[in-house]
């Protein structure tokens, strides 16, 4: 049964396969400003090496600390992976606070499900499991955004109590309660 876990080297092989799936759908190009895009450009060539992957996992786990090094404009965050045994299915990132950019476009919570695991309910279950974690971080309600044309993501957010506030550019902005 899938569960949220902290990033772990135990899903190394499956994680690399998932990132290859994302790459095949165009993620990681120079114009991809998503977390997966940025991480593919930084680590993509080295993820096959267990030592590089372990370093990547440690870096993600360290992001919960205020003092952790991160790019300018980034905030502390909690990364959780949705796994079923040794199978990596997706990830969710909870940003501990909002910057003006995150308030407009990114929100508190972002998630990705690997292409081969989509349309199986993972995104909704992952978000449902992550909302209490956000509450534990003092976030209530949580801002969650999605592209206007992403009907599946809209359904996931709404199913988890998200209420549409507005649209900014191509992003829809929802507030979801985290207290359950």
C-alpha atoms as a PDB file:
ATOM      1  CA  UNK A   1       0.000   0.000   0.000  1.00  0.00           C
ATOM      2  CA  UNK A   2       1.496   3.377  -0.949  1.00  0.00           C
ATOM      3  CA  UNK A   3       2.674   5.712   1.792  1.00  0.00           C
ATOM      4  CA  UNK A   4       4.451   9.030   2.246  1.00  0.00           C
ATOM      5  CA  UNK A   5       8.068   8.674   3.351  1.00  0.00           C
ATOM      6  CA  UNK A   6      11.022  10.990   3.674  1.00  0.00           C
ATOM      7  CA  UNK A   7      13.317  10.790   0.629  1.00  0.00           C
ATOM      8  CA  UNK A   8      15.249   7.535   0.807  1.00  0.00           C
ATOM      9  CA  UNK A   9      17.939   5.713  -1.134  1.00  0.00           C
ATOM     10  CA  UNK A  10      15.866   2.515  -0.936  1.00  0.00           C
ATOM     11  CA  UNK A  11      13.913   3.536  -4.049  1.00  0.00           C
ATOM     12  CA  UNK A  12      16.988   4.540  -6.070  1.00  0.00           C
ATOM     13  CA  UNK A  13      16.396   2.347  -9.115  1.00  0.00           C
ATOM     14  CA  UNK A  14      12.688   3.167  -9.325  1.00  0.00           C
ATOM     15  CA  UNK A  15      13.314   6.894  -8.812  1.00  0.00           C
ATOM     16  CA  UNK A  16      15.782   6.964 -11.722  1.00  0.00           C
ATOM     17  CA  UNK A  17      13.247   5.154 -13.913  1.00  0.00           C
ATOM     18  CA  UNK A  18      10.583   7.712 -12.935  1.00  0.00           C
ATOM     19  CA  UNK A  19      12.880  10.612 -13.807  1.00  0.00           C
ATOM     20  CA  UNK A  20      13.499   9.021 -17.212  1.00  0.00           C
ATOM     21  CA  UNK A  21       9.710   8.929 -17.708  1.00  0.00           C
ATOM     22  CA  UNK A  22       9.507  12.636 -16.842  1.00  0.00           C
ATOM     23  CA  UNK A  23      12.350  13.371 -19.261  1.00  0.00           C
ATOM     24  CA  UNK A  24      10.528  11.547 -22.065  1.00  0.00           C
ATOM     25  CA  UNK A  25       7.564  13.872 -21.576  1.00  0.00           C
ATOM     26  CA  UNK A  26       9.879  16.890 -21.899  1.00  0.00           C
ATOM     27  CA  UNK A  27      10.763  17.678 -18.295  1.00  0.00           C
ATOM     28  CA  UNK A  28      14.249  18.990 -17.612  1.00  0.00           C
ATOM     29  CA  UNK A  29      14.638  21.204 -20.665  1.00  0.00           C
ATOM     30  CA  UNK A  30      16.205  24.625 -20.163  1.00  0.00           C
ATOM     31  CA  UNK A  31      12.764  26.280 -20.059  1.00  0.00           C
ATOM     32  CA  UNK A  32      11.363  23.866 -17.426  1.00  0.00           C
ATOM     33  CA  UNK A  33      11.207  25.839 -14.171  1.00  0.00           C
ATOM     34  CA  UNK A  34       9.578  23.037 -12.165  1.00  0.00           C
ATOM     35  CA  UNK A  35      11.399  21.277  -9.326  1.00  0.00           C
ATOM     36  CA  UNK A  36      11.802  18.186 -11.483  1.00  0.00           C
ATOM     37  CA  UNK A  37      13.161  20.316 -14.317  1.00  0.00           C
ATOM     38  CA  UNK A  38      15.710  22.066 -12.112  1.00  0.00           C
ATOM     39  CA  UNK A  39      16.762  18.841 -10.391  1.00  0.00           C
ATOM     40  CA  UNK A  40      17.084  16.961 -13.705  1.00  0.00           C
ATOM     41  CA  UNK A  41      19.460  19.638 -14.943  1.00  0.00           C
ATOM     42  CA  UNK A  42      21.512  19.572 -11.739  1.00  0.00           C
ATOM     43  CA  UNK A  43      21.530  15.854 -10.909  1.00  0.00           C
ATOM     44  CA  UNK A  44      20.124  14.026 -13.935  1.00  0.00           C
ATOM     45  CA  UNK A  45      23.445  12.820 -15.288  1.00  0.00           C
ATOM     46  CA  UNK A  46      24.592  11.626 -11.874  1.00  0.00           C
ATOM     47  CA  UNK A  47      21.470  10.034 -10.393  1.00  0.00           C
ATOM     48  CA  UNK A  48      22.542   6.575 -11.584  1.00  0.00           C
ATOM     49  CA  UNK A  49      25.571   6.772  -9.268  1.00  0.00           C
ATOM     50  CA  UNK A  50      24.476   5.596  -5.784  1.00  0.00           C
ATOM     51  CA  UNK A  51      26.772   8.140  -4.100  1.00  0.00           C
ATOM     52  CA  UNK A  52      25.362  11.059  -6.100  1.00  0.00           C
ATOM     53  CA  UNK A  53      21.835   9.833  -5.412  1.00  0.00           C
ATOM     54  CA  UNK A  54      22.573   9.560  -1.672  1.00  0.00           C
ATOM     55  CA  UNK A  55      23.881  13.147  -1.725  1.00  0.00           C
ATOM     56  CA  UNK A  56      20.704  14.272  -3.485  1.00  0.00           C
ATOM     57  CA  UNK A  57      18.520  12.508  -0.888  1.00  0.00           C
ATOM     58  CA  UNK A  58      20.469  14.122   1.960  1.00  0.00           C
ATOM     59  CA  UNK A  59      20.121  17.548   0.349  1.00  0.00           C
ATOM     60  CA  UNK A  60      16.342  17.135   0.080  1.00  0.00           C
ATOM     61  CA  UNK A  61      16.065  15.946   3.671  1.00  0.00           C
ATOM     62  CA  UNK A  62      18.116  18.928   4.877  1.00  0.00           C
ATOM     63  CA  UNK A  63      15.750  21.455   3.290  1.00  0.00           C
ATOM     64  CA  UNK A  64      13.527  21.364   6.381  1.00  0.00           C
ATOM     65  CA  UNK A  65      16.189  23.403   8.201  1.00  0.00           C
ATOM     66  CA  UNK A  66      16.122  27.167   7.942  1.00  0.00           C
ATOM     67  CA  UNK A  67      19.930  27.187   7.726  1.00  0.00           C
ATOM     68  CA  UNK A  68      20.166  24.724   4.809  1.00  0.00           C
ATOM     69  CA  UNK A  69      21.732  26.133   1.633  1.00  0.00           C
ATOM     70  CA  UNK A  70      19.193  26.765  -1.111  1.00  0.00           C
ATOM     71  CA  UNK A  71      18.831  28.982  -4.168  1.00  0.00           C
ATOM     72  CA  UNK A  72      17.828  32.577  -3.581  1.00  0.00           C
ATOM     73  CA  UNK A  73      14.086  32.950  -3.192  1.00  0.00           C
ATOM     74  CA  UNK A  74      13.601  29.364  -2.016  1.00  0.00           C
ATOM     75  CA  UNK A  75      12.180  28.668   1.443  1.00  0.00           C
ATOM     76  CA  UNK A  76      12.525  25.741   3.852  1.00  0.00           C
ATOM     77  CA  UNK A  77      10.488  22.786   2.668  1.00  0.00           C
ATOM     78  CA  UNK A  78       9.532  19.250   3.556  1.00  0.00           C
ATOM     79  CA  UNK A  79       9.857  16.755   0.701  1.00  0.00           C
ATOM     80  CA  UNK A  80       7.949  13.507   0.945  1.00  0.00           C
ATOM     81  CA  UNK A  81       7.928  10.663  -1.544  1.00  0.00           C
ATOM     82  CA  UNK A  82       4.907   8.517  -2.328  1.00  0.00           C
ATOM     83  CA  UNK A  83       6.204   4.955  -2.480  1.00  0.00           C
ATOM     84  CA  UNK A  84       4.855   1.441  -2.551  1.00  0.00           C
ATOM     85  CA  UNK A  85       7.610  -0.746  -1.133  1.00  0.00           C
ATOM     86  CA  UNK A  86      10.631  -0.021  -3.321  1.00  0.00           C
ATOM     87  CA  UNK A  87       8.518   1.599  -6.061  1.00  0.00           C
ATOM     88  CA  UNK A  88       8.726   5.399  -6.341  1.00  0.00           C
ATOM     89  CA  UNK A  89       5.340   6.757  -7.461  1.00  0.00           C
ATOM     90  CA  UNK A  90       5.626  10.480  -6.902  1.00  0.00           C
ATOM     91  CA  UNK A  91       6.507  13.308  -4.571  1.00  0.00           C
ATOM     92  CA  UNK A  92       4.990  16.158  -2.698  1.00  0.00           C
ATOM     93  CA  UNK A  93       6.792  19.236  -1.390  1.00  0.00           C
ATOM     94  CA  UNK A  94       5.428  21.374   1.430  1.00  0.00           C
ATOM     95  CA  UNK A  95       6.921  24.858   1.479  1.00  0.00           C
ATOM     96  CA  UNK A  96       6.995  26.161   5.036  1.00  0.00           C
ATOM     97  CA  UNK A  97       6.095  29.740   4.140  1.00  0.00           C
ATOM     98  CA  UNK A  98       5.106  31.827   1.147  1.00  0.00           C
ATOM     99  CA  UNK A  99       7.185  34.396  -0.686  1.00  0.00           C
ATOM    100  CA  UNK A 100       5.408  36.877  -2.989  1.00  0.00           C
ATOM    101  CA  UNK A 101       6.164  34.555  -5.941  1.00  0.00           C
ATOM    102  CA  UNK A 102       4.851  31.480  -4.131  1.00  0.00           C
ATOM    103  CA  UNK A 103       1.752  33.428  -3.115  1.00  0.00           C
ATOM    104  CA  UNK A 104       1.067  34.195  -6.784  1.00  0.00           C
ATOM    105  CA  UNK A 105       2.197  31.047  -8.543  1.00  0.00           C
ATOM    106  CA  UNK A 106       3.595  28.205  -6.447  1.00  0.00           C
ATOM    107  CA  UNK A 107       1.691  27.851  -3.203  1.00  0.00           C
ATOM    108  CA  UNK A 108       2.582  25.859  -0.104  1.00  0.00           C
ATOM    109  CA  UNK A 109       2.235  22.454  -1.757  1.00  0.00           C
ATOM    110  CA  UNK A 110       3.417  21.069  -5.069  1.00  0.00           C
ATOM    111  CA  UNK A 111       3.265  17.478  -6.254  1.00  0.00           C
ATOM    112  CA  UNK A 112       4.146  15.223  -9.156  1.00  0.00           C
ATOM    113  CA  UNK A 113       3.115  11.674  -9.986  1.00  0.00           C
ATOM    114  CA  UNK A 114       5.328   9.704 -12.342  1.00  0.00           C
ATOM    115  CA  UNK A 115       3.709   9.273 -15.754  1.00  0.00           C
ATOM    116  CA  UNK A 116       3.277   5.483 -15.505  1.00  0.00           C
ATOM    117  CA  UNK A 117       1.451   5.853 -12.146  1.00  0.00           C
ATOM    118  CA  UNK A 118      -1.031   8.548 -13.163  1.00  0.00           C
ATOM    119  CA  UNK A 119      -4.803   8.109 -13.190  1.00  0.00           C
ATOM    120  CA  UNK A 120      -4.658   5.610 -10.339  1.00  0.00           C
ATOM    121  CA  UNK A 121      -5.654   7.935  -7.491  1.00  0.00           C
ATOM    122  CA  UNK A 122      -2.111   8.542  -6.247  1.00  0.00           C
ATOM    123  CA  UNK A 123      -2.214  12.348  -6.441  1.00  0.00           C
ATOM    124  CA  UNK A 124      -5.386  12.599  -4.367  1.00  0.00           C
ATOM    125  CA  UNK A 125      -4.193  10.094  -1.789  1.00  0.00           C
ATOM    126  CA  UNK A 126      -0.787  11.728  -1.589  1.00  0.00           C
ATOM    127  CA  UNK A 127      -2.276  15.186  -1.062  1.00  0.00           C
ATOM    128  CA  UNK A 128      -4.704  13.834   1.542  1.00  0.00           C
ATOM    129  CA  UNK A 129      -1.797  12.264   3.455  1.00  0.00           C
ATOM    130  CA  UNK A 130       0.295  15.443   3.208  1.00  0.00           C
ATOM    131  CA  UNK A 131      -2.288  17.937   4.467  1.00  0.00           C
ATOM    132  CA  UNK A 132      -1.919  16.838   8.124  1.00  0.00           C
ATOM    133  CA  UNK A 133       1.854  17.168   7.736  1.00  0.00           C
ATOM    134  CA  UNK A 134       1.329  20.750   6.580  1.00  0.00           C
ATOM    135  CA  UNK A 135      -0.901  21.332   9.592  1.00  0.00           C
ATOM    136  CA  UNK A 136       1.889  20.047  11.836  1.00  0.00           C
ATOM    137  CA  UNK A 137       4.148  22.677  10.272  1.00  0.00           C
ATOM    138  CA  UNK A 138       1.697  25.402  11.259  1.00  0.00           C
ATOM    139  CA  UNK A 139       0.164  25.819   7.803  1.00  0.00           C
ATOM    140  CA  UNK A 140      -3.616  26.162   7.787  1.00  0.00           C
ATOM    141  CA  UNK A 141      -5.032  26.632   5.273  1.00  0.00           C
ATOM    142  CA  UNK A 142      -2.558  25.643   2.558  1.00  0.00           C
ATOM    143  CA  UNK A 143      -2.310  27.386  -0.790  1.00  0.00           C
ATOM    144  CA  UNK A 144      -2.218  24.911  -3.681  1.00  0.00           C
ATOM    145  CA  UNK A 145      -1.979  26.019  -7.288  1.00  0.00           C
ATOM    146  CA  UNK A 146      -2.373  24.289 -10.618  1.00  0.00           C
ATOM    147  CA  UNK A 147      -2.421  25.190 -14.261  1.00  0.00           C
ATOM    148  CA  UNK A 148      -5.822  26.341 -15.461  1.00  0.00           C
ATOM    149  CA  UNK A 149      -5.925  23.572 -18.071  1.00  0.00           C
ATOM    150  CA  UNK A 150      -5.002  20.757 -15.674  1.00  0.00           C
ATOM    151  CA  UNK A 151      -8.468  19.346 -14.961  1.00  0.00           C
ATOM    152  CA  UNK A 152      -7.072  16.303 -13.145  1.00  0.00           C
ATOM    153  CA  UNK A 153      -5.114  18.434 -10.691  1.00  0.00           C
ATOM    154  CA  UNK A 154      -8.123  20.692 -10.138  1.00  0.00           C
ATOM    155  CA  UNK A 155     -10.207  17.635  -9.210  1.00  0.00           C
ATOM    156  CA  UNK A 156      -7.484  16.414  -6.825  1.00  0.00           C
ATOM    157  CA  UNK A 157      -7.326  19.768  -5.044  1.00  0.00           C
ATOM    158  CA  UNK A 158     -11.096  20.165  -4.864  1.00  0.00           C
ATOM    159  CA  UNK A 159     -11.564  16.591  -3.608  1.00  0.00           C
ATOM    160  CA  UNK A 160      -9.189  17.501  -0.774  1.00  0.00           C
ATOM    161  CA  UNK A 161     -11.254  20.526   0.247  1.00  0.00           C
ATOM    162  CA  UNK A 162      -9.547  23.155  -1.894  1.00  0.00           C
ATOM    163  CA  UNK A 163     -11.636  26.242  -2.516  1.00  0.00           C
ATOM    164  CA  UNK A 164     -10.806  28.331  -5.570  1.00  0.00           C
ATOM    165  CA  UNK A 165      -9.786  31.874  -4.669  1.00  0.00           C
ATOM    166  CA  UNK A 166      -8.784  33.233  -8.068  1.00  0.00           C
ATOM    167  CA  UNK A 167      -6.733  32.846 -11.226  1.00  0.00           C
ATOM    168  CA  UNK A 168      -3.413  34.616 -11.679  1.00  0.00           C
ATOM    169  CA  UNK A 169      -2.072  34.266 -15.175  1.00  0.00           C
ATOM    170  CA  UNK A 170      -2.561  30.612 -16.055  1.00  0.00           C
ATOM    171  CA  UNK A 171      -2.520  29.483 -12.399  1.00  0.00           C
ATOM    172  CA  UNK A 172      -5.613  28.674 -10.378  1.00  0.00           C
ATOM    173  CA  UNK A 173      -5.150  29.343  -6.658  1.00  0.00           C
ATOM    174  CA  UNK A 174      -6.923  27.172  -4.098  1.00  0.00           C
ATOM    175  CA  UNK A 175      -6.919  27.245  -0.298  1.00  0.00           C
ATOM    176  CA  UNK A 176      -7.315  23.858   1.372  1.00  0.00           C
ATOM    177  CA  UNK A 177      -7.838  23.215   5.082  1.00  0.00           C
ATOM    178  CA  UNK A 178      -5.085  21.137   6.652  1.00  0.00           C
ATOM    179  CA  UNK A 179      -6.772  20.420  10.001  1.00  0.00           C
ATOM    180  CA  UNK A 180      -8.720  17.177   9.742  1.00  0.00           C
END
